[in-house]
Structures are given as structure tokens and as C-alpha cells.
Amino acid sequence: MNEDLYDHNELDANRLRGVMARDVAEYLAKSVVTRPDAVSVELSDDRDPIKIDVHVDPQDMGRVIGKRGRVAHAIRTLVAAAAAQEGERVEVEFYG
């Protein structure tokens, strides 16, 4: 990832909130599915917490959720950590 895109010290009114968290969610989702080209991530930064919707192929929902929801929980934890680096909170939902 390009660190220049995530400069935390620069305040910019036009900066989209949650960009790093969205990128992390997309990377992780594409890493666990069989059809990474079907992954799309939508970011709604007009609310608090920021909402990130991860859309995957319906056949890949089991891979993203994992046994007892462990994969989904791990993805949510890592995305929350990325958002915390930006001083934000996120909510991640998965759709198939």
C-alpha cells in the first residue's frame, strides 16, 4: 500500500474517511474467496461508525464467514484496527 495515501498528519476536508479500512477489507476478502474478481467493497462514510459492505459471490459466503464465524470476526478485527489508525470506527457487513 502506498503510505502517501494514508498520511495521518495532513488534514484535508476532501479526504474520504475509512479508505485504509476499505482497502484492508477488500484485500482480506479477495484473499479468502475462490472468485476474487467478484469481490466488491462499498464504503459509506456519511455515518458514525463508517459502514463497509463487502459483497462476494454467493458460493464464497461460507469462506468469508468461516466456521462459527471465525473468518468474518478476524476480518472485522483487522479492518477495525486499520480504521483505528485513521481515528475512525467501522462496521463491516458481508453479502453474497
PDB file of N, CA and C in Angstrom:
ATOM      1  N   MET A   1       0.831  -1.176   0.000  1.00  0.00           N
ATOM      2  CA  MET A   1       0.000   0.000   0.000  1.00  0.00           C
ATOM      3  C   MET A   1       0.875   1.237   0.000  1.00  0.00           C
ATOM      4  N   ASN A   2       0.417   2.247  -0.654  1.00  0.00           N
ATOM      5  CA  ASN A   2       1.155   3.486  -0.760  1.00  0.00           C
ATOM      6  C   ASN A   2       0.900   4.326   0.489  1.00  0.00           C
ATOM      7  N   GLU A   3       1.914   4.556   1.276  1.00  0.00           N
ATOM      8  CA  GLU A   3       1.781   5.293   2.528  1.00  0.00           C
ATOM      9  C   GLU A   3       1.359   6.738   2.306  1.00  0.00           C
ATOM     10  N   ASP A   4       1.667   7.322   1.137  1.00  0.00           N
ATOM     11  CA  ASP A   4       1.283   8.705   0.875  1.00  0.00           C
ATOM     12  C   ASP A   4      -0.229   8.873   0.889  1.00  0.00           C
ATOM     13  N   LEU A   5      -0.956   7.835   0.515  1.00  0.00           N
ATOM     14  CA  LEU A   5      -2.418   7.905   0.502  1.00  0.00           C
ATOM     15  C   LEU A   5      -2.993   7.971   1.905  1.00  0.00           C
ATOM     16  N   TYR A   6      -2.217   7.528   2.890  1.00  0.00           N
ATOM     17  CA  TYR A   6      -2.717   7.411   4.245  1.00  0.00           C
ATOM     18  C   TYR A   6      -1.974   8.323   5.203  1.00  0.00           C
ATOM     19  N   ASP A   7      -1.655   9.542   4.774  1.00  0.00           N
ATOM     20  CA  ASP A   7      -0.938  10.480   5.625  1.00  0.00           C
ATOM     21  C   ASP A   7      -1.880  10.965   6.725  1.00  0.00           C
ATOM     22  N   HIS A   8      -1.603  10.549   7.974  1.00  0.00           N
ATOM     23  CA  HIS A   8      -2.483  10.861   9.089  1.00  0.00           C
ATOM     24  C   HIS A   8      -2.292  12.277   9.607  1.00  0.00           C
ATOM     25  N   ASN A   9      -1.178  12.889   9.298  1.00  0.00           N
ATOM     26  CA  ASN A   9      -0.886  14.208   9.834  1.00  0.00           C
ATOM     27  C   ASN A   9      -1.518  15.324   9.031  1.00  0.00           C
ATOM     28  N   GLU A  10      -1.864  15.039   7.799  1.00  0.00           N
ATOM     29  CA  GLU A  10      -2.398  16.070   6.920  1.00  0.00           C
ATOM     30  C   GLU A  10      -3.913  16.109   7.018  1.00  0.00           C
ATOM     31  N   LEU A  11      -4.463  17.228   7.428  1.00  0.00           N
ATOM     32  CA  LEU A  11      -5.905  17.375   7.500  1.00  0.00           C
ATOM     33  C   LEU A  11      -6.412  17.904   6.168  1.00  0.00           C
ATOM     34  N   ASP A  12      -7.327  17.172   5.583  1.00  0.00           N
ATOM     35  CA  ASP A  12      -7.876  17.540   4.281  1.00  0.00           C
ATOM     36  C   ASP A  12      -9.378  17.351   4.339  1.00  0.00           C
ATOM     37  N   ALA A  13     -10.116  18.412   4.152  1.00  0.00           N
ATOM     38  CA  ALA A  13     -11.574  18.339   4.217  1.00  0.00           C
ATOM     39  C   ALA A  13     -12.153  17.449   3.125  1.00  0.00           C
ATOM     40  N   ASN A  14     -11.429  17.235   2.057  1.00  0.00           N
ATOM     41  CA  ASN A  14     -11.926  16.413   0.962  1.00  0.00           C
ATOM     42  C   ASN A  14     -11.524  14.948   1.080  1.00  0.00           C
ATOM     43  N   ARG A  15     -10.800  14.595   2.141  1.00  0.00           N
ATOM     44  CA  ARG A  15     -10.337  13.226   2.320  1.00  0.00           C
ATOM     45  C   ARG A  15     -11.507  12.318   2.666  1.00  0.00           C
ATOM     46  N   LEU A  16     -11.573  11.180   1.993  1.00  0.00           N
ATOM     47  CA  LEU A  16     -12.604  10.194   2.261  1.00  0.00           C
ATOM     48  C   LEU A  16     -12.238   9.416   3.516  1.00  0.00           C
ATOM     49  N   ARG A  17     -13.144   9.371   4.467  1.00  0.00           N
ATOM     50  CA  ARG A  17     -12.898   8.656   5.722  1.00  0.00           C
ATOM     51  C   ARG A  17     -12.916   7.153   5.477  1.00  0.00           C
ATOM     52  N   GLY A  18     -12.027   6.427   6.123  1.00  0.00           N
ATOM     53  CA  GLY A  18     -12.049   4.980   6.094  1.00  0.00           C
ATOM     54  C   GLY A  18     -11.434   4.319   4.880  1.00  0.00           C
ATOM     55  N   VAL A  19     -10.617   5.037   4.122  1.00  0.00           N
ATOM     56  CA  VAL A  19     -10.024   4.479   2.904  1.00  0.00           C
ATOM     57  C   VAL A  19      -9.113   3.301   3.219  1.00  0.00           C
ATOM     58  N   MET A  20      -8.284   3.429   4.226  1.00  0.00           N
ATOM     59  CA  MET A  20      -7.376   2.341   4.559  1.00  0.00           C
ATOM     60  C   MET A  20      -8.166   1.114   5.041  1.00  0.00           C
ATOM     61  N   ALA A  21      -9.199   1.321   5.823  1.00  0.00           N
ATOM     62  CA  ALA A  21     -10.026   0.214   6.304  1.00  0.00           C
ATOM     63  C   ALA A  21     -10.715  -0.486   5.135  1.00  0.00           C
ATOM     64  N   ARG A  22     -11.201   0.280   4.175  1.00  0.00           N
ATOM     65  CA  ARG A  22     -11.830  -0.307   2.990  1.00  0.00           C
ATOM     66  C   ARG A  22     -10.831  -1.151   2.206  1.00  0.00           C
ATOM     67  N   ASP A  23      -9.628  -0.629   2.028  1.00  0.00           N
ATOM     68  CA  ASP A  23      -8.592  -1.365   1.298  1.00  0.00           C
ATOM     69  C   ASP A  23      -8.226  -2.667   2.003  1.00  0.00           C
ATOM     70  N   VAL A  24      -8.150  -2.633   3.324  1.00  0.00           N
ATOM     71  CA  VAL A  24      -7.836  -3.837   4.094  1.00  0.00           C
ATOM     72  C   VAL A  24      -8.965  -4.859   3.944  1.00  0.00           C
ATOM     73  N   ALA A  25     -10.209  -4.404   4.029  1.00  0.00           N
ATOM     74  CA  ALA A  25     -11.356  -5.308   3.867  1.00  0.00           C
ATOM     75  C   ALA A  25     -11.347  -5.960   2.489  1.00  0.00           C
ATOM     76  N   GLU A  26     -11.062  -5.180   1.458  1.00  0.00           N
ATOM     77  CA  GLU A  26     -11.023  -5.721   0.100  1.00  0.00           C
ATOM     78  C   GLU A  26      -9.893  -6.736  -0.052  1.00  0.00           C
ATOM     79  N   TYR A  27      -8.722  -6.420   0.450  1.00  0.00           N
ATOM     80  CA  TYR A  27      -7.572  -7.321   0.352  1.00  0.00           C
ATOM     81  C   TYR A  27      -7.855  -8.652   1.056  1.00  0.00           C
ATOM     82  N   LEU A  28      -8.382  -8.578   2.267  1.00  0.00           N
ATOM     83  CA  LEU A  28      -8.647  -9.796   3.027  1.00  0.00           C
ATOM     84  C   LEU A  28      -9.741 -10.636   2.387  1.00  0.00           C
ATOM     85  N   ALA A  29     -10.803  -9.995   1.920  1.00  0.00           N
ATOM     86  CA  ALA A  29     -11.894 -10.745   1.280  1.00  0.00           C
ATOM     87  C   ALA A  29     -11.394 -11.446   0.021  1.00  0.00           C
ATOM     88  N   LYS A  30     -10.623 -10.735  -0.785  1.00  0.00           N
ATOM     89  CA  LYS A  30     -10.095 -11.341  -2.007  1.00  0.00           C
ATOM     90  C   LYS A  30      -9.126 -12.476  -1.705  1.00  0.00           C
ATOM     91  N   SER A  31      -8.506 -12.431  -0.543  1.00  0.00           N
ATOM     92  CA  SER A  31      -7.541 -13.463  -0.164  1.00  0.00           C
ATOM     93  C   SER A  31      -8.195 -14.788   0.211  1.00  0.00           C
ATOM     94  N   VAL A  32      -9.425 -14.756   0.687  1.00  0.00           N
ATOM     95  CA  VAL A  32     -10.052 -15.985   1.172  1.00  0.00           C
ATOM     96  C   VAL A  32     -11.062 -16.603   0.206  1.00  0.00           C
ATOM     97  N   VAL A  33     -11.492 -15.877  -0.815  1.00  0.00           N
ATOM     98  CA  VAL A  33     -12.520 -16.401  -1.727  1.00  0.00           C
ATOM     99  C   VAL A  33     -11.901 -17.108  -2.928  1.00  0.00           C
ATOM    100  N   THR A  34     -12.731 -17.884  -3.635  1.00  0.00           N
ATOM    101  CA  THR A  34     -12.269 -18.568  -4.845  1.00  0.00           C
ATOM    102  C   THR A  34     -12.452 -17.687  -6.080  1.00  0.00           C
ATOM    103  N   ARG A  35     -13.341 -16.682  -5.993  1.00  0.00           N
ATOM    104  CA  ARG A  35     -13.559 -15.764  -7.116  1.00  0.00           C
ATOM    105  C   ARG A  35     -13.282 -14.330  -6.662  1.00  0.00           C
ATOM    106  N   PRO A  36     -11.998 -13.954  -6.591  1.00  0.00           N
ATOM    107  CA  PRO A  36     -11.667 -12.605  -6.123  1.00  0.00           C
ATOM    108  C   PRO A  36     -12.171 -11.496  -7.046  1.00  0.00           C
ATOM    109  N   ASP A  37     -12.390 -11.815  -8.319  1.00  0.00           N
ATOM    110  CA  ASP A  37     -12.906 -10.797  -9.243  1.00  0.00           C
ATOM    111  C   ASP A  37     -14.351 -10.427  -8.926  1.00  0.00           C
ATOM    112  N   ALA A  38     -15.052 -11.253  -8.156  1.00  0.00           N
ATOM    113  CA  ALA A  38     -16.444 -10.976  -7.800  1.00  0.00           C
ATOM    114  C   ALA A  38     -16.568 -10.151  -6.517  1.00  0.00           C
ATOM    115  N   VAL A  39     -15.457  -9.846  -5.877  1.00  0.00           N
ATOM    116  CA  VAL A  39     -15.486  -9.085  -4.625  1.00  0.00           C
ATOM    117  C   VAL A  39     -15.627  -7.595  -4.929  1.00  0.00           C
ATOM    118  N   SER A  40     -16.560  -6.969  -4.245  1.00  0.00           N
ATOM    119  CA  SER A  40     -16.672  -5.511  -4.314  1.00  0.00           C
ATOM    120  C   SER A  40     -16.910  -4.997  -2.900  1.00  0.00           C
ATOM    121  N   VAL A  41     -16.371  -3.822  -2.633  1.00  0.00           N
ATOM    122  CA  VAL A  41     -16.467  -3.241  -1.300  1.00  0.00           C
ATOM    123  C   VAL A  41     -17.037  -1.837  -1.428  1.00  0.00           C
ATOM    124  N   GLU A  42     -18.093  -1.572  -0.671  1.00  0.00           N
ATOM    125  CA  GLU A  42     -18.717  -0.249  -0.657  1.00  0.00           C
ATOM    126  C   GLU A  42     -18.454   0.409   0.690  1.00  0.00           C
ATOM    127  N   LEU A  43     -18.152   1.688   0.642  1.00  0.00           N
ATOM    128  CA  LEU A  43     -17.837   2.458   1.844  1.00  0.00           C
ATOM    129  C   LEU A  43     -18.870   3.566   2.011  1.00  0.00           C
ATOM    130  N   SER A  44     -19.504   3.619   3.169  1.00  0.00           N
ATOM    131  CA  SER A  44     -20.436   4.704   3.499  1.00  0.00           C
ATOM    132  C   SER A  44     -19.833   5.488   4.643  1.00  0.00           C
ATOM    133  N   ASP A  45     -19.225   6.614   4.315  1.00  0.00           N
ATOM    134  CA  ASP A  45     -18.544   7.400   5.350  1.00  0.00           C
ATOM    135  C   ASP A  45     -19.398   8.540   5.880  1.00  0.00           C
ATOM    136  N   ASP A  46     -20.688   8.543   5.536  1.00  0.00           N
ATOM    137  CA  ASP A  46     -21.562   9.621   5.974  1.00  0.00           C
ATOM    138  C   ASP A  46     -22.201   9.344   7.330  1.00  0.00           C
ATOM    139  N   ARG A  47     -21.744   8.294   8.011  1.00  0.00           N
ATOM    140  CA  ARG A  47     -22.293   7.962   9.316  1.00  0.00           C
ATOM    141  C   ARG A  47     -21.170   7.560  10.265  1.00  0.00           C
ATOM    142  N   ASP A  48     -21.506   7.449  11.539  1.00  0.00           N
ATOM    143  CA  ASP A  48     -20.527   7.012  12.521  1.00  0.00           C
ATOM    144  C   ASP A  48     -21.134   5.855  13.299  1.00  0.00           C
ATOM    145  N   PRO A  49     -20.593   4.682  13.280  1.00  0.00           N
ATOM    146  CA  PRO A  49     -19.331   4.322  12.632  1.00  0.00           C
ATOM    147  C   PRO A  49     -19.475   4.204  11.118  1.00  0.00           C
ATOM    148  N   ILE A  50     -18.349   4.269  10.439  1.00  0.00           N
ATOM    149  CA  ILE A  50     -18.304   4.095   8.989  1.00  0.00           C
ATOM    150  C   ILE A  50     -18.800   2.695   8.667  1.00  0.00           C
ATOM    151  N   LYS A  51     -19.588   2.564   7.600  1.00  0.00           N
ATOM    152  CA  LYS A  51     -20.113   1.255   7.210  1.00  0.00           C
ATOM    153  C   LYS A  51     -19.375   0.753   5.979  1.00  0.00           C
ATOM    154  N   ILE A  52     -18.862  -0.476   6.069  1.00  0.00           N
ATOM    155  CA  ILE A  52     -18.193  -1.112   4.945  1.00  0.00           C
ATOM    156  C   ILE A  52     -18.973  -2.371   4.598  1.00  0.00           C
ATOM    157  N   ASP A  53     -19.496  -2.424   3.368  1.00  0.00           N
ATOM    158  CA  ASP A  53     -20.233  -3.582   2.876  1.00  0.00           C
ATOM    159  C   ASP A  53     -19.344  -4.360   1.922  1.00  0.00           C
ATOM    160  N   VAL A  54     -19.106  -5.624   2.241  1.00  0.00           N
ATOM    161  CA  VAL A  54     -18.281  -6.493   1.411  1.00  0.00           C
ATOM    162  C   VAL A  54     -19.209  -7.450   0.673  1.00  0.00           C
ATOM    163  N   HIS A  55     -19.203  -7.363  -0.649  1.00  0.00           N
ATOM    164  CA  HIS A  55     -20.036  -8.229  -1.486  1.00  0.00           C
ATOM    165  C   HIS A  55     -19.142  -9.277  -2.134  1.00  0.00           C
ATOM    166  N   VAL A  56     -19.527 -10.548  -1.987  1.00  0.00           N
ATOM    167  CA  VAL A  56     -18.783 -11.658  -2.583  1.00  0.00           C
ATOM    168  C   VAL A  56     -19.756 -12.525  -3.369  1.00  0.00           C
ATOM    169  N   ASP A  57     -19.211 -13.425  -4.166  1.00  0.00           N
ATOM    170  CA  ASP A  57     -20.036 -14.397  -4.877  1.00  0.00           C
ATOM    171  C   ASP A  57     -20.787 -15.233  -3.831  1.00  0.00           C
ATOM    172  N   PRO A  58     -22.074 -15.517  -4.058  1.00  0.00           N
ATOM    173  CA  PRO A  58     -22.831 -16.294  -3.070  1.00  0.00           C
ATOM    174  C   PRO A  58     -22.173 -17.626  -2.693  1.00  0.00           C
ATOM    175  N   GLN A  59     -21.461 -18.231  -3.629  1.00  0.00           N
ATOM    176  CA  GLN A  59     -20.796 -19.501  -3.334  1.00  0.00           C
ATOM    177  C   GLN A  59     -19.594 -19.313  -2.397  1.00  0.00           C
ATOM    178  N   ASP A  60     -19.122 -18.103  -2.254  1.00  0.00           N
ATOM    179  CA  ASP A  60     -17.972 -17.831  -1.391  1.00  0.00           C
ATOM    180  C   ASP A  60     -18.360 -17.336   0.005  1.00  0.00           C
ATOM    181  N   MET A  61     -19.647 -17.209   0.278  1.00  0.00           N
ATOM    182  CA  MET A  61     -20.068 -16.713   1.595  1.00  0.00           C
ATOM    183  C   MET A  61     -19.549 -17.585   2.732  1.00  0.00           C
ATOM    184  N   GLY A  62     -19.551 -18.891   2.544  1.00  0.00           N
ATOM    185  CA  GLY A  62     -19.054 -19.791   3.572  1.00  0.00           C
ATOM    186  C   GLY A  62     -17.583 -19.568   3.876  1.00  0.00           C
ATOM    187  N   ARG A  63     -16.816 -19.248   2.845  1.00  0.00           N
ATOM    188  CA  ARG A  63     -15.385 -18.989   3.042  1.00  0.00           C
ATOM    189  C   ARG A  63     -15.167 -17.689   3.804  1.00  0.00           C
ATOM    190  N   VAL A  64     -15.967 -16.686   3.519  1.00  0.00           N
ATOM    191  CA  VAL A  64     -15.810 -15.379   4.177  1.00  0.00           C
ATOM    192  C   VAL A  64     -16.302 -15.445   5.625  1.00  0.00           C
ATOM    193  N   ILE A  65     -17.361 -16.186   5.864  1.00  0.00           N
ATOM    194  CA  ILE A  65     -17.888 -16.299   7.222  1.00  0.00           C
ATOM    195  C   ILE A  65     -17.028 -17.253   8.051  1.00  0.00           C
ATOM    196  N   GLY A  66     -16.668 -18.410   7.482  1.00  0.00           N
ATOM    197  CA  GLY A  66     -15.831 -19.377   8.198  1.00  0.00           C
ATOM    198  C   GLY A  66     -16.624 -20.165   9.213  1.00  0.00           C
ATOM    199  N   LYS A  67     -15.985 -21.174   9.766  1.00  0.00           N
ATOM    200  CA  LYS A  67     -16.636 -21.991  10.789  1.00  0.00           C
ATOM    201  C   LYS A  67     -16.891 -21.154  12.034  1.00  0.00           C
ATOM    202  N   ARG A  68     -18.148 -21.179  12.448  1.00  0.00           N
ATOM    203  CA  ARG A  68     -18.578 -20.435  13.637  1.00  0.00           C
ATOM    204  C   ARG A  68     -18.275 -18.946  13.535  1.00  0.00           C
ATOM    205  N   GLY A  69     -18.159 -18.427  12.301  1.00  0.00           N
ATOM    206  CA  GLY A  69     -17.953 -17.000  12.087  1.00  0.00           C
ATOM    207  C   GLY A  69     -16.560 -16.504  12.379  1.00  0.00           C
ATOM    208  N   ARG A  70     -15.599 -17.406  12.466  1.00  0.00           N
ATOM    209  CA  ARG A  70     -14.247 -17.003  12.871  1.00  0.00           C
ATOM    210  C   ARG A  70     -13.533 -16.162  11.821  1.00  0.00           C
ATOM    211  N   VAL A  71     -13.703 -16.495  10.546  1.00  0.00           N
ATOM    212  CA  VAL A  71     -13.041 -15.707   9.491  1.00  0.00           C
ATOM    213  C   VAL A  71     -13.631 -14.298   9.454  1.00  0.00           C
ATOM    214  N   ALA A  72     -14.964 -14.216   9.505  1.00  0.00           N
ATOM    215  CA  ALA A  72     -15.621 -12.900   9.499  1.00  0.00           C
ATOM    216  C   ALA A  72     -15.176 -12.072  10.703  1.00  0.00           C
ATOM    217  N   HIS A  73     -15.080 -12.707  11.855  1.00  0.00           N
ATOM    218  CA  HIS A  73     -14.646 -11.999  13.054  1.00  0.00           C
ATOM    219  C   HIS A  73     -13.206 -11.491  12.897  1.00  0.00           C
ATOM    220  N   ALA A  74     -12.342 -12.329  12.329  1.00  0.00           N
ATOM    221  CA  ALA A  74     -10.943 -11.923  12.126  1.00  0.00           C
ATOM    222  C   ALA A  74     -10.855 -10.757  11.146  1.00  0.00           C
ATOM    223  N   ILE A  75     -11.639 -10.819  10.065  1.00  0.00           N
ATOM    224  CA  ILE A  75     -11.636  -9.720   9.088  1.00  0.00           C
ATOM    225  C   ILE A  75     -12.116  -8.442   9.760  1.00  0.00           C
ATOM    226  N   ARG A  76     -13.197  -8.533  10.518  1.00  0.00           N
ATOM    227  CA  ARG A  76     -13.721  -7.340  11.206  1.00  0.00           C
ATOM    228  C   ARG A  76     -12.687  -6.756  12.169  1.00  0.00           C
ATOM    229  N   THR A  77     -11.959  -7.614  12.865  1.00  0.00           N
ATOM    230  CA  THR A  77     -10.950  -7.151  13.814  1.00  0.00           C
ATOM    231  C   THR A  77      -9.826  -6.398  13.102  1.00  0.00           C
ATOM    232  N   LEU A  78      -9.328  -6.964  11.997  1.00  0.00           N
ATOM    233  CA  LEU A  78      -8.245  -6.309  11.261  1.00  0.00           C
ATOM    234  C   LEU A  78      -8.701  -5.006  10.609  1.00  0.00           C
ATOM    235  N   VAL A  79      -9.922  -4.986  10.090  1.00  0.00           N
ATOM    236  CA  VAL A  79     -10.453  -3.758   9.485  1.00  0.00           C
ATOM    237  C   VAL A  79     -10.648  -2.685  10.560  1.00  0.00           C
ATOM    238  N   ALA A  80     -11.101  -3.078  11.732  1.00  0.00           N
ATOM    239  CA  ALA A  80     -11.252  -2.125  12.842  1.00  0.00           C
ATOM    240  C   ALA A  80      -9.910  -1.548  13.257  1.00  0.00           C
ATOM    241  N   ALA A  81      -8.872  -2.385  13.241  1.00  0.00           N
ATOM    242  CA  ALA A  81      -7.530  -1.898  13.583  1.00  0.00           C
ATOM    243  C   ALA A  81      -7.042  -0.892  12.543  1.00  0.00           C
ATOM    244  N   ALA A  82      -7.313  -1.159  11.264  1.00  0.00           N
ATOM    245  CA  ALA A  82      -6.923  -0.214  10.207  1.00  0.00           C
ATOM    246  C   ALA A  82      -7.684   1.101  10.363  1.00  0.00           C
ATOM    247  N   ALA A  83      -8.952   1.012  10.703  1.00  0.00           N
ATOM    248  CA  ALA A  83      -9.751   2.230  10.900  1.00  0.00           C
ATOM    249  C   ALA A  83      -9.252   3.016  12.104  1.00  0.00           C
ATOM    250  N   ALA A  84      -8.847   2.317  13.149  1.00  0.00           N
ATOM    251  CA  ALA A  84      -8.341   2.988  14.345  1.00  0.00           C
ATOM    252  C   ALA A  84      -7.086   3.789  14.028  1.00  0.00           C
ATOM    253  N   GLN A  85      -6.286   3.317  13.064  1.00  0.00           N
ATOM    254  CA  GLN A  85      -5.100   4.068  12.643  1.00  0.00           C
ATOM    255  C   GLN A  85      -5.480   5.434  12.074  1.00  0.00           C
ATOM    256  N   GLU A  86      -6.694   5.510  11.524  1.00  0.00           N
ATOM    257  CA  GLU A  86      -7.194   6.771  10.973  1.00  0.00           C
ATOM    258  C   GLU A  86      -8.057   7.526  11.983  1.00  0.00           C
ATOM    259  N   GLY A  87      -8.208   6.958  13.169  1.00  0.00           N
ATOM    260  CA  GLY A  87      -9.042   7.594  14.182  1.00  0.00           C
ATOM    261  C   GLY A  87     -10.519   7.402  13.933  1.00  0.00           C
ATOM    262  N   GLU A  88     -10.885   6.329  13.261  1.00  0.00           N
ATOM    263  CA  GLU A  88     -12.278   6.069  12.907  1.00  0.00           C
ATOM    264  C   GLU A  88     -12.751   4.756  13.518  1.00  0.00           C
ATOM    265  N   ARG A  89     -14.064   4.567  13.509  1.00  0.00           N
ATOM    266  CA  ARG A  89     -14.680   3.298  13.892  1.00  0.00           C
ATOM    267  C   ARG A  89     -15.431   2.764  12.683  1.00  0.00           C
ATOM    268  N   VAL A  90     -15.472   1.443  12.539  1.00  0.00           N
ATOM    269  CA  VAL A  90     -16.144   0.849  11.380  1.00  0.00           C
ATOM    270  C   VAL A  90     -17.080  -0.268  11.784  1.00  0.00           C
ATOM    271  N   GLU A  91     -17.996  -0.534  10.874  1.00  0.00           N
ATOM    272  CA  GLU A  91     -18.916  -1.656  10.971  1.00  0.00           C
ATOM    273  C   GLU A  91     -18.816  -2.384   9.644  1.00  0.00           C
ATOM    274  N   VAL A  92     -18.518  -3.682   9.663  1.00  0.00           N
ATOM    275  CA  VAL A  92     -18.323  -4.458   8.433  1.00  0.00           C
ATOM    276  C   VAL A  92     -19.438  -5.478   8.302  1.00  0.00           C
ATOM    277  N   GLU A  93     -20.075  -5.507   7.129  1.00  0.00           N
ATOM    278  CA  GLU A  93     -21.124  -6.477   6.826  1.00  0.00           C
ATOM    279  C   GLU A  93     -20.754  -7.231   5.563  1.00  0.00           C
ATOM    280  N   PHE A  94     -21.147  -8.498   5.491  1.00  0.00           N
ATOM    281  CA  PHE A  94     -20.847  -9.343   4.343  1.00  0.00           C
ATOM    282  C   PHE A  94     -22.141  -9.724   3.636  1.00  0.00           C
ATOM    283  N   TYR A  95     -22.102  -9.684   2.308  1.00  0.00           N
ATOM    284  CA  TYR A  95     -23.261 -10.013   1.480  1.00  0.00           C
ATOM    285  C   TYR A  95     -22.839 -10.942   0.355  1.00  0.00           C
ATOM    286  N   GLY A  96     -23.711 -11.886   0.028  1.00  0.00           N
ATOM    287  CA  GLY A  96     -23.403 -12.828  -1.042  1.00  0.00           C
ATOM    288  C   GLY A  96     -24.352 -12.751  -2.186  1.00  0.00           C
TER     289      GLY A  96
END
